[in-house]
Protein backbone atom coordinates (compact mmCIF):
# COMPACT_ATOMS: atom_id res chain seq x y z
CA MET A 1 -0.09 0.26 -0.24
CA ALA A 2 1.01 3.35 -0.50
CA ARG A 3 2.54 5.29 2.27
CA ARG A 4 1.69 9.29 2.64
CA ARG A 5 3.13 11.53 5.53
CA THR A 6 -0.49 12.85 6.93
CA TRP A 7 -0.88 15.98 8.73
CA LEU A 8 -0.83 14.26 12.63
CA GLY A 9 3.24 12.90 11.92
CA ALA A 10 3.54 16.70 10.17
CA LEU A 11 3.11 18.52 12.68
CA ALA A 12 4.03 16.29 15.44
CA ALA A 13 7.23 15.95 13.36
CA VAL A 14 7.08 20.03 13.83
CA LEU A 15 6.57 19.82 16.96
CA LEU A 16 10.31 17.26 17.50
CA ALA A 17 12.08 20.19 16.41
CA PHE A 18 11.29 21.89 19.18
CA VAL A 19 12.28 18.52 21.20
CA LEU A 20 15.81 19.26 19.87
CA GLY A 21 16.05 22.21 19.99
CA VAL A 22 15.79 23.49 16.95
CA THR A 23 16.26 27.53 16.42
CA LEU A 24 12.57 29.16 15.07
CA ALA A 25 12.63 31.80 13.29
CA GLY A 26 10.48 34.82 11.21
CA CYS A 27 9.66 37.59 9.12
CA GLY A 28 10.15 41.13 9.96
CA GLY A 29 7.50 44.13 10.08
CA GLY A 30 4.58 45.11 12.87
CA GLY A 31 4.43 47.29 15.80
CA GLY A 32 2.95 48.08 19.10
CA ALA A 33 4.25 50.44 21.85
CA ASP A 34 4.28 48.07 25.36
CA PRO A 35 6.13 44.83 23.30
CA LYS A 36 5.04 42.58 26.28
CA GLU A 37 1.72 43.50 25.21
CA THR A 38 1.94 43.13 21.69
CA PHE A 39 2.79 39.62 22.24
CA LYS A 40 0.17 38.53 25.61
CA GLY A 41 -2.46 36.15 24.63
CA THR A 42 -3.20 33.18 23.24
CA TRP A 43 -1.50 32.52 19.33
CA ASP A 44 -4.09 30.64 17.22
CA LEU A 45 -1.99 28.10 14.44
CA LYS A 46 -2.98 30.35 11.28
CA SER A 47 -1.73 28.05 8.41
CA VAL A 48 1.89 25.45 7.86
CA ASP A 49 4.04 26.07 4.70
CA ALA A 50 6.09 23.28 5.02
CA GLU A 51 8.39 23.00 2.22
CA ASP A 52 7.14 19.09 1.76
CA GLU A 53 4.20 20.34 0.01
CA SER A 54 1.83 17.80 0.94
CA SER A 55 2.47 18.64 4.88
CA SER A 56 1.39 22.19 4.14
CA MET A 57 -2.04 23.24 5.88
CA SER A 58 -3.99 25.56 4.28
CA GLU A 59 -6.31 28.40 6.32
CA ASP A 60 -9.32 25.41 6.66
CA ASP A 61 -7.17 22.57 6.70
CA VAL A 62 -6.53 24.24 9.93
CA LYS A 63 -9.82 25.15 11.40
CA LEU A 64 -11.22 21.51 10.17
CA LEU A 65 -8.85 20.24 12.80
CA ASP A 66 -9.88 22.67 15.28
CA ASP A 67 -13.37 21.54 13.88
CA LEU A 68 -12.39 18.53 15.31
CA GLY A 69 -11.15 19.32 18.67
CA MET A 70 -7.03 19.14 17.57
CA SER A 71 -6.30 23.25 18.21
CA THR A 72 -3.18 23.63 18.31
CA PHE A 73 -2.15 27.10 19.89
CA VAL A 74 0.63 28.92 21.84
CA ASN A 75 0.21 31.18 25.31
CA LEU A 76 1.80 33.44 26.47
CA ASN A 77 0.48 34.57 29.95
CA GLU A 78 0.85 38.38 31.49
CA ASP A 79 2.68 35.99 34.46
CA GLY A 80 5.85 35.57 31.99
CA SER A 81 4.91 31.78 31.14
CA ALA A 82 4.28 30.03 27.91
CA GLU A 83 2.65 27.00 26.78
CA PHE A 84 2.69 26.05 24.05
CA VAL A 85 0.08 23.71 22.94
CA LEU A 86 -0.44 20.49 20.29
CA PHE A 87 -3.42 18.37 20.21
CA GLY A 88 -4.14 18.00 23.47
CA PHE A 89 -0.50 18.21 24.83
CA THR A 90 1.35 20.95 26.39
CA VAL A 91 4.62 22.09 26.76
CA LYS A 92 5.41 25.16 29.64
CA GLY A 93 8.38 27.37 29.51
CA GLU A 94 8.61 31.42 29.35
CA TRP A 95 8.90 34.01 27.63
CA GLU A 96 9.41 37.51 27.06
CA ALA A 97 9.12 39.88 23.95
CA LYS A 98 12.84 41.36 22.75
CA SER A 99 11.07 44.29 20.93
CA ALA A 100 8.08 45.21 19.08
CA THR A 101 8.86 42.12 16.43
CA SER A 102 10.59 40.03 18.35
CA VAL A 103 9.93 37.47 20.93
CA SER A 104 11.84 34.51 22.77
CA ILE A 105 10.37 31.82 24.33
CA ASP A 106 12.14 28.86 26.63
CA LEU A 107 10.02 25.78 26.82
CA GLU A 108 11.48 23.24 28.95
CA MET A 109 11.45 19.39 28.17
CA ASP A 110 12.27 16.77 29.47
CA GLY A 111 14.70 18.61 32.55
CA GLU A 112 15.78 20.69 29.42
CA SER A 113 15.54 24.16 27.98
CA SER A 114 15.73 25.44 24.80
CA THR A 115 15.04 29.11 23.28
CA PHE A 116 13.53 30.30 19.97
CA GLU A 117 12.11 33.13 18.42
CA GLY A 118 9.20 34.17 16.89
CA THR A 119 8.91 37.22 14.53
CA LEU A 120 5.99 39.95 14.03
CA SER A 121 4.37 41.19 10.70
CA GLY A 122 1.03 42.40 10.93
CA ASP A 123 -0.78 40.84 12.99
CA THR A 124 0.81 37.71 11.84
CA LEU A 125 3.53 35.61 14.61
CA THR A 126 5.44 33.22 12.08
CA ILE A 127 7.70 31.07 12.89
CA ASP A 128 10.22 29.13 10.86
CA VAL A 129 10.89 25.39 11.42
CA ASP A 130 13.47 24.33 9.45
CA GLY A 131 12.30 25.59 6.12
CA ASP A 132 8.68 25.13 7.41
CA LYS A 133 6.65 28.03 8.62
CA MET A 134 4.49 27.60 10.51
CA SER A 135 1.96 30.96 11.27
CA TYR A 136 -0.48 31.78 14.17
CA VAL A 137 -3.12 34.56 15.10
CA LYS A 138 -4.49 36.26 18.26
CA GLY A 139 -7.38 34.42 18.92
CA GLU A 140 -9.30 33.97 22.23
CA HIS A 141 -8.38 32.86 25.64
CA LYS A 142 -8.09 28.94 25.60
CA ASP A 143 -6.87 26.76 28.85
CA ALA A 144 -3.97 24.27 27.95
CA PRO A 145 -4.01 21.29 28.39
CA ASP A 146 -3.05 19.97 32.20
CA VAL A 147 -0.26 16.99 30.29
CA SER A 148 3.07 16.20 31.78
CA ALA A 149 5.64 17.61 28.83
CA ASP A 150 7.19 13.39 28.96
CA SER A 151 3.44 11.73 27.55
CA LEU A 152 4.22 15.07 25.11
CA THR A 153 7.96 14.07 24.22
CA GLU A 154 6.71 9.72 24.38
CA ALA A 155 3.65 10.63 21.91
CA VAL A 156 5.84 12.49 19.44
CA GLU A 157 8.49 10.05 19.66
CA GLU A 158 6.09 7.38 18.45
CA GLU A 159 4.47 9.17 15.06
CA SER A 160 8.04 10.41 14.32
CA THR A 161 10.49 6.94 14.56
CA VAL A 162 7.71 4.74 13.71
CA GLU A 163 8.59 2.59 10.77
CA ASP A 164 5.41 0.49 9.84
CA GLU A 165 3.54 1.96 6.90
CA TYR A 166 0.58 2.85 8.48
CA GLY A 167 2.34 5.28 11.09
CA SER A 168 1.40 4.89 14.63
CA TYR A 169 -1.61 3.18 15.34
CA THR A 170 -2.94 -0.12 16.61
CA PHE A 171 -4.64 -2.30 14.49
CA VAL A 172 -7.21 -5.54 15.18
CA GLU A 173 -4.74 -8.54 14.54
CA GLY A 174 -7.50 -10.57 12.23
CA TYR A 175 -9.71 -7.72 10.62
CA GLU A 176 -11.12 -8.87 6.51
CA GLU A 177 -10.63 -6.11 4.58
CA LYS A 178 -13.79 -4.64 2.90
CA THR A 179 -14.96 -2.73 -0.09
CA LEU A 180 -17.24 -0.39 0.82
CA VAL A 181 -17.51 1.86 -2.67
CA ASP A 182 -17.68 0.78 -5.63
CA ASP A 183 -18.22 1.75 -8.72
CA ASP A 184 -16.59 3.79 -12.21
CA LEU A 185 -15.70 7.15 -9.82
CA MET A 186 -14.23 5.82 -6.73
CA THR A 187 -13.41 2.47 -4.39
CA ILE A 188 -13.02 2.74 -1.17
CA VAL A 189 -12.24 0.03 1.07
CA SER A 190 -11.76 -0.68 5.12
CA LYS A 191 -8.00 -1.80 4.71
CA ALA A 192 -7.79 -1.90 8.95
CA LYS A 193 -9.52 -1.48 12.27
CA GLY A 194 -7.38 0.16 15.03
CA SER A 195 -6.72 2.81 17.10
CA ASP A 196 -4.75 6.33 16.98
CA LEU A 197 -1.89 7.18 19.29
CA PHE A 198 -3.99 8.75 21.51
CA ASP A 199 -6.26 5.81 21.72
CA ASP A 200 -9.88 7.06 19.60
CA PRO A 201 -11.12 3.79 17.80
CA GLY A 202 -11.27 4.00 13.95
CA PHE A 203 -10.71 2.30 10.92
CA LEU A 204 -7.78 2.46 8.64
CA LEU A 205 -9.80 3.56 4.51
CA SER A 206 -8.54 3.74 1.36
CA TYR A 207 -9.99 5.45 -1.26
CA THR A 208 -9.39 5.44 -5.41
CA ASN A 209 -9.69 7.46 -7.73
CA LYS A 210 -11.29 6.04 -10.78
CA GLY A 211 -12.31 8.93 -13.05
CA SER A 212 -10.81 10.86 -15.41
CA VAL A 213 -9.99 14.82 -13.49
CA PRO A 214 -8.84 15.32 -9.70
CA VAL A 215 -11.30 14.55 -6.86
CA TYR A 216 -11.97 16.23 -3.49
CA PHE A 217 -12.86 14.85 -0.70
CA THR A 218 -14.07 15.31 2.77
CA GLY A 219 -16.81 13.86 5.26
CA THR A 220 -20.34 15.41 5.29
CA GLY A 221 -23.19 15.45 6.94
CA THR A 222 -23.70 12.74 10.37
CA PHE A 223 -21.82 9.99 11.65
CA THR A 224 -22.93 7.78 13.45
CA VAL A 225 -21.32 4.66 15.71
CA ASN A 226 -23.02 1.96 17.14
CA GLY A 227 -26.58 3.53 16.05
CA ASN A 228 -24.93 7.13 17.71
CA GLU A 229 -24.57 10.36 16.87
CA ALA A 230 -20.81 10.36 17.29
CA SER A 231 -17.80 13.31 16.57
CA VAL A 232 -15.13 12.46 14.03
CA TYR A 233 -11.88 12.75 16.05
CA TYR A 234 -9.33 12.56 12.34
CA MET A 235 -9.95 13.05 9.20
CA VAL A 236 -8.16 14.65 6.49
CA PRO A 237 -10.08 15.78 3.85
CA GLN A 238 -7.16 15.96 0.73
CA THR A 239 -7.38 15.65 -3.25
CA ILE A 240 -6.76 12.17 -4.97
CA GLN A 241 -5.39 12.61 -9.14
CA PRO A 242 -6.50 10.26 -11.26
CA GLY A 243 -5.59 6.52 -11.11
CA GLU A 244 -3.97 7.55 -7.61
CA THR A 245 -4.68 5.47 -4.27
CA VAL A 246 -4.61 7.35 -1.24
CA GLU A 247 -5.63 5.77 2.79
CA ASP A 248 -6.68 7.73 5.57
CA PHE A 249 -7.09 7.01 9.32
CA LEU A 250 -10.81 7.85 10.08
CA SER A 251 -10.75 8.27 14.17
CA PHE A 252 -13.90 8.69 16.36
CA ASP A 253 -13.43 10.58 20.03
CA SER A 254 -13.04 8.13 22.42
CA GLY A 255 -14.74 9.71 24.96
CA GLU A 256 -17.83 9.69 23.07
CA VAL A 257 -17.42 5.95 21.91
CA GLY A 258 -15.05 4.48 24.02
CA THR A 259 -12.32 2.07 23.20
CA VAL A 260 -11.77 0.10 19.91
CA ASP A 261 -12.64 -2.99 21.25
CA ASP A 262 -16.37 -0.85 22.22
CA VAL A 263 -16.91 0.23 18.33
CA SER A 264 -19.29 -2.41 16.31
CA GLU A 265 -19.92 -0.88 13.79
CA ALA A 266 -19.79 3.64 11.74
CA GLN A 267 -21.95 4.62 9.69
CA VAL A 268 -20.45 7.43 7.42
CA SER A 269 -20.80 9.39 4.38
CA ILE A 270 -18.38 10.76 1.90
CA GLU A 271 -18.75 13.55 -0.59
CA VAL A 272 -16.42 13.53 -3.88
CA MET A 273 -16.33 16.25 -5.45
CA ASP A 274 -14.69 17.89 -8.91
CA ASP A 275 -11.26 19.27 -7.76
CA SER A 276 -10.96 22.52 -9.42
CA THR A 277 -14.86 23.22 -9.90
CA LEU A 278 -16.10 21.91 -6.13
CA ASP A 279 -18.75 20.78 -7.62
CA THR A 280 -20.30 17.32 -6.30
CA LEU A 281 -19.72 14.30 -8.09
CA ALA A 282 -21.04 11.92 -5.40
CA THR A 283 -21.90 11.82 -1.81
CA TYR A 284 -21.29 7.28 -0.46
CA THR A 285 -22.66 6.33 2.91
CA PHE A 286 -21.79 3.72 3.84
CA THR A 287 -21.14 1.40 6.97
CA ILE A 288 -18.24 0.09 8.32
CA SER A 289 -17.45 -2.90 10.57
């Protein structure tokens, strides 16, 4: 099966750069009479411009992950403390405004401290991680999850160093593949059942574009698990070229549906659109078990 770098893996790799002490830098600009007041508050991830184009994230992509409860943000607090948050994990440290356009953030991981520099241009705080530019904008205050840095280290290392072709997932042994859709436009197959690195249960799905034009697919409508409405925790809408097959792990919030052993079936609805015009080509509703 084809391997694909998921956004989860891409952002985990970005965070790993923080952990390993990669220096961050942005592009200049901006202003403000009081540097501390300029930077103080919550900064929400806006977009990621990655050297590997497949790992880039548009504003719409980030909004989708926010809607799924997978927010990434930085808190620069009044008392000088800093909190970097990624998918429910928090790295704590301190911050200091160097000027109206420059901020220094010290983050602590496993007893070690690393210093990172961010630069403000207009209303955007841009951080460059080894060529991948992470852009943030001021947002409403959010409390950082109370999860230790040790847990974050473990999660990041698992995602970044895994050799399995599917990524950091645990799959149920003996699962039998099931073809969910097979027509002139798409073939959708349930390849495996399992849980992700956050223990959220779901299914590994493959999508094949059998048509003649690039298509864009996304979830639509209401999803259910075991007959009850359920929140999708992770699903990446994406473009598929003619003849191409991509794989994606569709997971649900374990707080709502329980563990992978609790999930017997899920009903899913997928909308497939022409990637150029965004005209709907087909809507598929199917049950995965």
